[in-house]
Amino acid sequence: MTRKDYVLIAQTLAQFTGDSGDVIDRDKIALALAKVLQADNPRFDRERFLIAAGYITTNTPAHIRNWAMEVK
């Protein structure tokens, strides 16, 4: 990864910080990161990333996997 990658990830995570003190939802972070990484790299493998992030698994029902691949 390059400095550009770290900046991109940090900017994305910054969207989820606030004054409320609420626990951040990992799924929202995974989807947000997938969105910006895919926009940055057309060859980005969204499904592979979401599996690695624990958002979906190989056992996740097809309709949920398909939805996760289409979320913008």
PDB file of N, CA and C in Angstrom:
ATOM      1  N   MET A   1       0.831  -1.176   0.000  1.00  0.00           N
ATOM      2  CA  MET A   1       0.000   0.000   0.000  1.00  0.00           C
ATOM      3  C   MET A   1       0.878   1.243   0.000  1.00  0.00           C
ATOM      4  N   THR A   2       0.342   2.284  -0.557  1.00  0.00           N
ATOM      5  CA  THR A   2       1.083   3.535  -0.632  1.00  0.00           C
ATOM      6  C   THR A   2       0.487   4.560   0.328  1.00  0.00           C
ATOM      7  N   ARG A   3       1.140   5.687   0.419  1.00  0.00           N
ATOM      8  CA  ARG A   3       0.623   6.777   1.252  1.00  0.00           C
ATOM      9  C   ARG A   3      -0.779   7.163   0.805  1.00  0.00           C
ATOM     10  N   LYS A   4      -0.975   7.152  -0.497  1.00  0.00           N
ATOM     11  CA  LYS A   4      -2.294   7.476  -1.046  1.00  0.00           C
ATOM     12  C   LYS A   4      -3.364   6.542  -0.470  1.00  0.00           C
ATOM     13  N   ASP A   5      -3.030   5.263  -0.347  1.00  0.00           N
ATOM     14  CA  ASP A   5      -3.975   4.287   0.201  1.00  0.00           C
ATOM     15  C   ASP A   5      -4.310   4.601   1.655  1.00  0.00           C
ATOM     16  N   TYR A   6      -3.290   4.913   2.425  1.00  0.00           N
ATOM     17  CA  TYR A   6      -3.526   5.217   3.831  1.00  0.00           C
ATOM     18  C   TYR A   6      -4.377   6.474   3.985  1.00  0.00           C
ATOM     19  N   VAL A   7      -4.122   7.476   3.171  1.00  0.00           N
ATOM     20  CA  VAL A   7      -4.915   8.706   3.227  1.00  0.00           C
ATOM     21  C   VAL A   7      -6.364   8.396   2.871  1.00  0.00           C
ATOM     22  N   LEU A   8      -6.562   7.605   1.836  1.00  0.00           N
ATOM     23  CA  LEU A   8      -7.906   7.232   1.406  1.00  0.00           C
ATOM     24  C   LEU A   8      -8.663   6.514   2.526  1.00  0.00           C
ATOM     25  N   ILE A   9      -8.010   5.584   3.165  1.00  0.00           N
ATOM     26  CA  ILE A   9      -8.643   4.837   4.253  1.00  0.00           C
ATOM     27  C   ILE A   9      -8.922   5.762   5.444  1.00  0.00           C
ATOM     28  N   ALA A  10      -7.985   6.608   5.771  1.00  0.00           N
ATOM     29  CA  ALA A  10      -8.181   7.526   6.891  1.00  0.00           C
ATOM     30  C   ALA A  10      -9.339   8.481   6.628  1.00  0.00           C
ATOM     31  N   GLN A  11      -9.432   8.996   5.414  1.00  0.00           N
ATOM     32  CA  GLN A  11     -10.534   9.903   5.084  1.00  0.00           C
ATOM     33  C   GLN A  11     -11.873   9.185   5.183  1.00  0.00           C
ATOM     34  N   THR A  12     -11.909   7.952   4.771  1.00  0.00           N
ATOM     35  CA  THR A  12     -13.142   7.185   4.849  1.00  0.00           C
ATOM     36  C   THR A  12     -13.529   6.934   6.303  1.00  0.00           C
ATOM     37  N   LEU A  13     -12.563   6.534   7.115  1.00  0.00           N
ATOM     38  CA  LEU A  13     -12.848   6.294   8.530  1.00  0.00           C
ATOM     39  C   LEU A  13     -13.287   7.570   9.237  1.00  0.00           C
ATOM     40  N   ALA A  14     -12.784   8.688   8.786  1.00  0.00           N
ATOM     41  CA  ALA A  14     -13.146   9.961   9.407  1.00  0.00           C
ATOM     42  C   ALA A  14     -14.632  10.251   9.275  1.00  0.00           C
ATOM     43  N   GLN A  15     -15.274   9.693   8.287  1.00  0.00           N
ATOM     44  CA  GLN A  15     -16.707   9.882   8.110  1.00  0.00           C
ATOM     45  C   GLN A  15     -17.495   9.291   9.283  1.00  0.00           C
ATOM     46  N   PHE A  16     -16.903   8.374  10.001  1.00  0.00           N
ATOM     47  CA  PHE A  16     -17.614   7.644  11.048  1.00  0.00           C
ATOM     48  C   PHE A  16     -17.238   8.096  12.447  1.00  0.00           C
ATOM     49  N   THR A  17     -16.576   9.224  12.563  1.00  0.00           N
ATOM     50  CA  THR A  17     -16.259   9.741  13.884  1.00  0.00           C
ATOM     51  C   THR A  17     -17.238  10.855  14.199  1.00  0.00           C
ATOM     52  N   GLY A  18     -17.599  10.940  15.425  1.00  0.00           N
ATOM     53  CA  GLY A  18     -18.556  11.965  15.818  1.00  0.00           C
ATOM     54  C   GLY A  18     -18.498  12.218  17.303  1.00  0.00           C
ATOM     55  N   ASP A  19     -19.314  13.116  17.735  1.00  0.00           N
ATOM     56  CA  ASP A  19     -19.338  13.495  19.140  1.00  0.00           C
ATOM     57  C   ASP A  19     -20.262  12.614  19.980  1.00  0.00           C
ATOM     58  N   SER A  20     -21.050  11.771  19.321  1.00  0.00           N
ATOM     59  CA  SER A  20     -22.053  11.002  20.048  1.00  0.00           C
ATOM     60  C   SER A  20     -21.450   9.887  20.887  1.00  0.00           C
ATOM     61  N   GLY A  21     -20.253   9.436  20.531  1.00  0.00           N
ATOM     62  CA  GLY A  21     -19.629   8.350  21.262  1.00  0.00           C
ATOM     63  C   GLY A  21     -20.209   6.982  20.936  1.00  0.00           C
ATOM     64  N   ASP A  22     -21.068   6.916  19.921  1.00  0.00           N
ATOM     65  CA  ASP A  22     -21.662   5.638  19.530  1.00  0.00           C
ATOM     66  C   ASP A  22     -20.603   4.702  18.975  1.00  0.00           C
ATOM     67  N   VAL A  23     -20.831   3.413  19.146  1.00  0.00           N
ATOM     68  CA  VAL A  23     -19.955   2.410  18.567  1.00  0.00           C
ATOM     69  C   VAL A  23     -20.167   2.424  17.055  1.00  0.00           C
ATOM     70  N   ILE A  24     -19.094   2.400  16.327  1.00  0.00           N
ATOM     71  CA  ILE A  24     -19.161   2.444  14.870  1.00  0.00           C
ATOM     72  C   ILE A  24     -19.511   1.056  14.334  1.00  0.00           C
ATOM     73  N   ASP A  25     -20.362   1.023  13.345  1.00  0.00           N
ATOM     74  CA  ASP A  25     -20.791  -0.211  12.720  1.00  0.00           C
ATOM     75  C   ASP A  25     -19.762  -0.660  11.684  1.00  0.00           C
ATOM     76  N   ARG A  26     -19.106  -1.785  11.932  1.00  0.00           N
ATOM     77  CA  ARG A  26     -18.071  -2.289  11.037  1.00  0.00           C
ATOM     78  C   ARG A  26     -18.585  -2.489   9.623  1.00  0.00           C
ATOM     79  N   ASP A  27     -19.826  -2.895   9.492  1.00  0.00           N
ATOM     80  CA  ASP A  27     -20.385  -3.128   8.167  1.00  0.00           C
ATOM     81  C   ASP A  27     -20.450  -1.840   7.359  1.00  0.00           C
ATOM     82  N   LYS A  28     -20.813  -0.745   8.004  1.00  0.00           N
ATOM     83  CA  LYS A  28     -20.852   0.544   7.310  1.00  0.00           C
ATOM     84  C   LYS A  28     -19.462   0.954   6.858  1.00  0.00           C
ATOM     85  N   ILE A  29     -18.481   0.708   7.702  1.00  0.00           N
ATOM     86  CA  ILE A  29     -17.099   1.039   7.352  1.00  0.00           C
ATOM     87  C   ILE A  29     -16.638   0.179   6.182  1.00  0.00           C
ATOM     88  N   ALA A  30     -16.927  -1.115   6.219  1.00  0.00           N
ATOM     89  CA  ALA A  30     -16.518  -2.014   5.136  1.00  0.00           C
ATOM     90  C   ALA A  30     -17.123  -1.577   3.809  1.00  0.00           C
ATOM     91  N   LEU A  31     -18.415  -1.238   3.806  1.00  0.00           N
ATOM     92  CA  LEU A  31     -19.066  -0.802   2.568  1.00  0.00           C
ATOM     93  C   LEU A  31     -18.499   0.528   2.086  1.00  0.00           C
ATOM     94  N   ALA A  32     -18.244   1.451   3.000  1.00  0.00           N
ATOM     95  CA  ALA A  32     -17.701   2.750   2.609  1.00  0.00           C
ATOM     96  C   ALA A  32     -16.296   2.610   2.028  1.00  0.00           C
ATOM     97  N   LEU A  33     -15.473   1.776   2.667  1.00  0.00           N
ATOM     98  CA  LEU A  33     -14.127   1.547   2.139  1.00  0.00           C
ATOM     99  C   LEU A  33     -14.183   0.865   0.778  1.00  0.00           C
ATOM    100  N   ALA A  34     -15.048  -0.121   0.642  1.00  0.00           N
ATOM    101  CA  ALA A  34     -15.180  -0.800  -0.646  1.00  0.00           C
ATOM    102  C   ALA A  34     -15.553   0.192  -1.741  1.00  0.00           C
ATOM    103  N   LYS A  35     -16.423   1.124  -1.408  1.00  0.00           N
ATOM    104  CA  LYS A  35     -16.862   2.124  -2.390  1.00  0.00           C
ATOM    105  C   LYS A  35     -15.695   2.996  -2.863  1.00  0.00           C
ATOM    106  N   VAL A  36     -14.913   3.539  -1.929  1.00  0.00           N
ATOM    107  CA  VAL A  36     -13.828   4.432  -2.335  1.00  0.00           C
ATOM    108  C   VAL A  36     -12.666   3.672  -2.979  1.00  0.00           C
ATOM    109  N   LEU A  37     -12.412   2.458  -2.519  1.00  0.00           N
ATOM    110  CA  LEU A  37     -11.331   1.673  -3.129  1.00  0.00           C
ATOM    111  C   LEU A  37     -11.698   1.261  -4.553  1.00  0.00           C
ATOM    112  N   GLN A  38     -12.955   0.921  -4.766  1.00  0.00           N
ATOM    113  CA  GLN A  38     -13.408   0.553  -6.099  1.00  0.00           C
ATOM    114  C   GLN A  38     -13.373   1.763  -7.035  1.00  0.00           C
ATOM    115  N   ALA A  39     -13.731   2.926  -6.536  1.00  0.00           N
ATOM    116  CA  ALA A  39     -13.673   4.143  -7.350  1.00  0.00           C
ATOM    117  C   ALA A  39     -12.227   4.474  -7.717  1.00  0.00           C
ATOM    118  N   ASP A  40     -11.301   4.146  -6.832  1.00  0.00           N
ATOM    119  CA  ASP A  40      -9.885   4.424  -7.060  1.00  0.00           C
ATOM    120  C   ASP A  40      -9.240   3.426  -8.011  1.00  0.00           C
ATOM    121  N   ASN A  41      -9.742   2.197  -8.010  1.00  0.00           N
ATOM    122  CA  ASN A  41      -9.112   1.138  -8.807  1.00  0.00           C
ATOM    123  C   ASN A  41     -10.185   0.292  -9.471  1.00  0.00           C
ATOM    124  N   PRO A  42     -10.350   0.409 -10.787  1.00  0.00           N
ATOM    125  CA  PRO A  42     -11.384  -0.353 -11.485  1.00  0.00           C
ATOM    126  C   PRO A  42     -11.198  -1.873 -11.372  1.00  0.00           C
ATOM    127  N   ARG A  43      -9.995  -2.316 -11.040  1.00  0.00           N
ATOM    128  CA  ARG A  43      -9.735  -3.754 -10.896  1.00  0.00           C
ATOM    129  C   ARG A  43      -9.943  -4.241  -9.460  1.00  0.00           C
ATOM    130  N   PHE A  44     -10.361  -3.350  -8.588  1.00  0.00           N
ATOM    131  CA  PHE A  44     -10.602  -3.689  -7.182  1.00  0.00           C
ATOM    132  C   PHE A  44     -11.644  -4.801  -7.096  1.00  0.00           C
ATOM    133  N   ASP A  45     -11.345  -5.824  -6.309  1.00  0.00           N
ATOM    134  CA  ASP A  45     -12.252  -6.958  -6.136  1.00  0.00           C
ATOM    135  C   ASP A  45     -13.088  -6.732  -4.880  1.00  0.00           C
ATOM    136  N   ARG A  46     -14.260  -6.136  -5.091  1.00  0.00           N
ATOM    137  CA  ARG A  46     -15.144  -5.765  -3.981  1.00  0.00           C
ATOM    138  C   ARG A  46     -15.536  -6.982  -3.137  1.00  0.00           C
ATOM    139  N   GLU A  47     -15.903  -8.071  -3.783  1.00  0.00           N
ATOM    140  CA  GLU A  47     -16.326  -9.265  -3.046  1.00  0.00           C
ATOM    141  C   GLU A  47     -15.191  -9.800  -2.177  1.00  0.00           C
ATOM    142  N   ARG A  48     -14.016  -9.883  -2.734  1.00  0.00           N
ATOM    143  CA  ARG A  48     -12.864 -10.376  -1.978  1.00  0.00           C
ATOM    144  C   ARG A  48     -12.592  -9.486  -0.763  1.00  0.00           C
ATOM    145  N   PHE A  49     -12.683  -8.165  -0.968  1.00  0.00           N
ATOM    146  CA  PHE A  49     -12.467  -7.226   0.122  1.00  0.00           C
ATOM    147  C   PHE A  49     -13.523  -7.396   1.214  1.00  0.00           C
ATOM    148  N   LEU A  50     -14.791  -7.493   0.816  1.00  0.00           N
ATOM    149  CA  LEU A  50     -15.861  -7.616   1.811  1.00  0.00           C
ATOM    150  C   LEU A  50     -15.790  -8.937   2.570  1.00  0.00           C
ATOM    151  N   ILE A  51     -15.314  -9.970   1.920  1.00  0.00           N
ATOM    152  CA  ILE A  51     -15.085 -11.239   2.623  1.00  0.00           C
ATOM    153  C   ILE A  51     -13.954 -11.066   3.630  1.00  0.00           C
ATOM    154  N   ALA A  52     -12.861 -10.442   3.194  1.00  0.00           N
ATOM    155  CA  ALA A  52     -11.709 -10.221   4.087  1.00  0.00           C
ATOM    156  C   ALA A  52     -12.079  -9.327   5.270  1.00  0.00           C
ATOM    157  N   ALA A  53     -12.999  -8.392   5.030  1.00  0.00           N
ATOM    158  CA  ALA A  53     -13.427  -7.478   6.095  1.00  0.00           C
ATOM    159  C   ALA A  53     -14.449  -8.114   7.026  1.00  0.00           C
ATOM    160  N   GLY A  54     -14.912  -9.309   6.701  1.00  0.00           N
ATOM    161  CA  GLY A  54     -15.886  -9.989   7.537  1.00  0.00           C
ATOM    162  C   GLY A  54     -17.309  -9.536   7.313  1.00  0.00           C
ATOM    163  N   TYR A  55     -17.537  -8.759   6.253  1.00  0.00           N
ATOM    164  CA  TYR A  55     -18.886  -8.274   5.977  1.00  0.00           C
ATOM    165  C   TYR A  55     -19.751  -9.375   5.391  1.00  0.00           C
ATOM    166  N   ILE A  56     -19.179 -10.157   4.500  1.00  0.00           N
ATOM    167  CA  ILE A  56     -19.869 -11.329   3.957  1.00  0.00           C
ATOM    168  C   ILE A  56     -18.941 -12.525   4.082  1.00  0.00           C
ATOM    169  N   THR A  57     -19.510 -13.719   4.005  1.00  0.00           N
ATOM    170  CA  THR A  57     -18.725 -14.946   4.041  1.00  0.00           C
ATOM    171  C   THR A  57     -19.092 -15.786   2.831  1.00  0.00           C
ATOM    172  N   THR A  58     -18.390 -16.866   2.656  1.00  0.00           N
ATOM    173  CA  THR A  58     -18.717 -17.764   1.549  1.00  0.00           C
ATOM    174  C   THR A  58     -20.082 -18.415   1.771  1.00  0.00           C
ATOM    175  N   ASN A  59     -20.587 -18.368   2.997  1.00  0.00           N
ATOM    176  CA  ASN A  59     -21.894 -18.946   3.313  1.00  0.00           C
ATOM    177  C   ASN A  59     -23.031 -17.919   3.301  1.00  0.00           C
ATOM    178  N   THR A  60     -22.716 -16.668   3.013  1.00  0.00           N
ATOM    179  CA  THR A  60     -23.746 -15.627   2.972  1.00  0.00           C
ATOM    180  C   THR A  60     -24.710 -15.932   1.831  1.00  0.00           C
ATOM    181  N   PRO A  61     -26.022 -15.852   2.073  1.00  0.00           N
ATOM    182  CA  PRO A  61     -26.997 -16.125   1.009  1.00  0.00           C
ATOM    183  C   PRO A  61     -26.750 -15.257  -0.229  1.00  0.00           C
ATOM    184  N   ALA A  62     -27.028 -15.818  -1.386  1.00  0.00           N
ATOM    185  CA  ALA A  62     -26.745 -15.154  -2.661  1.00  0.00           C
ATOM    186  C   ALA A  62     -27.404 -13.784  -2.768  1.00  0.00           C
ATOM    187  N   HIS A  63     -28.639 -13.651  -2.295  1.00  0.00           N
ATOM    188  CA  HIS A  63     -29.317 -12.360  -2.441  1.00  0.00           C
ATOM    189  C   HIS A  63     -28.637 -11.259  -1.621  1.00  0.00           C
ATOM    190  N   ILE A  64     -28.057 -11.613  -0.495  1.00  0.00           N
ATOM    191  CA  ILE A  64     -27.338 -10.627   0.316  1.00  0.00           C
ATOM    192  C   ILE A  64     -25.993 -10.305  -0.325  1.00  0.00           C
ATOM    193  N   ARG A  65     -25.307 -11.335  -0.826  1.00  0.00           N
ATOM    194  CA  ARG A  65     -24.032 -11.114  -1.521  1.00  0.00           C
ATOM    195  C   ARG A  65     -24.237 -10.206  -2.722  1.00  0.00           C
ATOM    196  N   ASN A  66     -25.295 -10.470  -3.499  1.00  0.00           N
ATOM    197  CA  ASN A  66     -25.567  -9.648  -4.680  1.00  0.00           C
ATOM    198  C   ASN A  66     -25.848  -8.208  -4.283  1.00  0.00           C
ATOM    199  N   TRP A  67     -26.614  -8.016  -3.217  1.00  0.00           N
ATOM    200  CA  TRP A  67     -26.905  -6.665  -2.737  1.00  0.00           C
ATOM    201  C   TRP A  67     -25.611  -5.963  -2.339  1.00  0.00           C
ATOM    202  N   ALA A  68     -24.746  -6.664  -1.617  1.00  0.00           N
ATOM    203  CA  ALA A  68     -23.484  -6.051  -1.161  1.00  0.00           C
ATOM    204  C   ALA A  68     -22.595  -5.654  -2.336  1.00  0.00           C
ATOM    205  N   MET A  69     -22.681  -6.382  -3.426  1.00  0.00           N
ATOM    206  CA  MET A  69     -21.873  -6.063  -4.598  1.00  0.00           C
ATOM    207  C   MET A  69     -22.413  -4.837  -5.328  1.00  0.00           C
ATOM    208  N   GLU A  70     -23.698  -4.536  -5.137  1.00  0.00           N
ATOM    209  CA  GLU A  70     -24.328  -3.438  -5.874  1.00  0.00           C
ATOM    210  C   GLU A  70     -24.441  -2.154  -5.067  1.00  0.00           C
ATOM    211  N   VAL A  71     -24.242  -2.208  -3.761  1.00  0.00           N
ATOM    212  CA  VAL A  71     -24.400  -1.024  -2.921  1.00  0.00           C
ATOM    213  C   VAL A  71     -23.410   0.038  -3.358  1.00  0.00           C
ATOM    214  N   LYS A  72     -23.910   1.228  -3.548  1.00  0.00           N
ATOM    215  CA  LYS A  72     -23.054   2.349  -3.964  1.00  0.00           C
ATOM    216  C   LYS A  72     -22.778   3.259  -2.794  1.00  0.00           C
TER     217      LYS A  72
END
